[in-house]
Amino acid sequence: GEGRRSPESRKKQQEKPRTVFCTATILQPKKSDMLT
């Protein structure tokens, strides 16, 4: 059970930051342009 839960937790952690970054870029497109 734990073995199967390990990979799932890892995938969720990687997906979390990705979604936050995407949302931040969509919410503040101007800021992203400035950074770029």
N, C-alpha and C. Protein backbone atom coordinates (compact mmCIF):
# COMPACT_ATOMS: atom_id res chain seq x y z
N GLY A 1 0.83 -1.22 0.00
CA GLY A 1 0.00 0.00 0.00
C GLY A 1 0.86 1.26 0.00
N GLU A 2 1.86 1.26 0.88
CA GLU A 2 2.72 2.46 0.95
C GLU A 2 3.48 2.66 -0.36
N GLY A 3 3.97 1.55 -0.91
CA GLY A 3 4.73 1.65 -2.17
C GLY A 3 3.89 2.32 -3.25
N ARG A 4 2.63 2.00 -3.28
CA ARG A 4 1.77 2.58 -4.32
C ARG A 4 1.45 4.05 -3.98
N ARG A 5 1.44 4.35 -2.72
CA ARG A 5 1.08 5.71 -2.32
C ARG A 5 2.26 6.67 -2.57
N SER A 6 3.45 6.15 -2.51
CA SER A 6 4.66 6.99 -2.69
C SER A 6 4.65 7.70 -4.05
N PRO A 7 4.53 6.95 -5.13
CA PRO A 7 4.54 7.57 -6.47
C PRO A 7 3.38 8.55 -6.66
N GLU A 8 2.25 8.25 -6.05
CA GLU A 8 1.09 9.14 -6.22
C GLU A 8 1.38 10.50 -5.55
N SER A 9 1.96 10.45 -4.37
CA SER A 9 2.26 11.69 -3.65
C SER A 9 3.28 12.52 -4.45
N ARG A 10 4.21 11.81 -5.06
CA ARG A 10 5.25 12.51 -5.84
C ARG A 10 4.61 13.20 -7.04
N LYS A 11 3.71 12.50 -7.68
CA LYS A 11 3.07 13.06 -8.88
C LYS A 11 2.25 14.30 -8.48
N LYS A 12 1.57 14.21 -7.35
CA LYS A 12 0.73 15.34 -6.91
C LYS A 12 1.61 16.55 -6.60
N GLN A 13 2.75 16.30 -5.98
CA GLN A 13 3.65 17.42 -5.62
C GLN A 13 4.17 18.10 -6.87
N GLN A 14 4.45 17.31 -7.91
CA GLN A 14 4.98 17.90 -9.16
C GLN A 14 3.88 18.64 -9.90
N GLU A 15 2.65 18.14 -9.78
CA GLU A 15 1.55 18.79 -10.50
C GLU A 15 1.13 20.09 -9.81
N LYS A 16 1.30 20.14 -8.50
CA LYS A 16 0.87 21.33 -7.75
C LYS A 16 1.62 22.59 -8.23
N PRO A 17 2.92 22.59 -8.19
CA PRO A 17 3.68 23.79 -8.60
C PRO A 17 3.42 24.16 -10.05
N ARG A 18 3.22 23.14 -10.87
CA ARG A 18 2.97 23.40 -12.30
C ARG A 18 1.66 24.17 -12.47
N THR A 19 0.65 23.74 -11.74
CA THR A 19 -0.66 24.40 -11.87
C THR A 19 -0.58 25.83 -11.33
N VAL A 20 0.13 26.00 -10.24
CA VAL A 20 0.26 27.34 -9.64
C VAL A 20 0.95 28.28 -10.62
N PHE A 21 2.00 27.78 -11.26
CA PHE A 21 2.76 28.62 -12.21
C PHE A 21 1.85 29.01 -13.39
N CYS A 22 1.10 28.02 -13.88
CA CYS A 22 0.21 28.27 -15.02
C CYS A 22 -0.83 29.33 -14.62
N THR A 23 -1.40 29.16 -13.44
CA THR A 23 -2.43 30.09 -12.99
C THR A 23 -1.84 31.49 -12.82
N ALA A 24 -0.65 31.56 -12.28
CA ALA A 24 -0.02 32.86 -12.05
C ALA A 24 0.23 33.56 -13.39
N THR A 25 0.61 32.79 -14.37
CA THR A 25 0.90 33.37 -15.70
C THR A 25 -0.40 33.88 -16.33
N ILE A 26 -1.48 33.14 -16.10
CA ILE A 26 -2.77 33.53 -16.71
C ILE A 26 -3.35 34.74 -15.94
N LEU A 27 -3.17 34.73 -14.62
CA LEU A 27 -3.74 35.82 -13.81
C LEU A 27 -2.92 37.09 -14.00
N GLN A 28 -1.60 36.93 -14.15
CA GLN A 28 -0.75 38.12 -14.32
C GLN A 28 0.11 37.98 -15.57
N PRO A 29 -0.50 38.09 -16.72
CA PRO A 29 0.24 37.98 -17.98
C PRO A 29 1.23 39.12 -18.15
N LYS A 30 0.88 40.26 -17.61
CA LYS A 30 1.77 41.43 -17.73
C LYS A 30 3.07 41.17 -16.95
N LYS A 31 2.91 40.61 -15.74
CA LYS A 31 4.09 40.35 -14.91
C LYS A 31 5.00 39.33 -15.63
N SER A 32 4.40 38.34 -16.24
CA SER A 32 5.17 37.31 -16.94
C SER A 32 5.95 37.95 -18.09
N ASP A 33 5.31 38.86 -18.78
CA ASP A 33 5.97 39.52 -19.92
C ASP A 33 7.17 40.33 -19.41
N MET A 34 6.99 40.96 -18.27
CA MET A 34 8.08 41.77 -17.70
C MET A 34 9.26 40.87 -17.33
N LEU A 35 8.93 39.70 -16.73
CA LEU A 35 9.99 38.77 -16.32
C LEU A 35 10.72 38.26 -17.55
N THR A 36 9.97 38.02 -18.60
CA THR A 36 10.58 37.48 -19.81
C THR A 36 11.38 38.59 -20.49
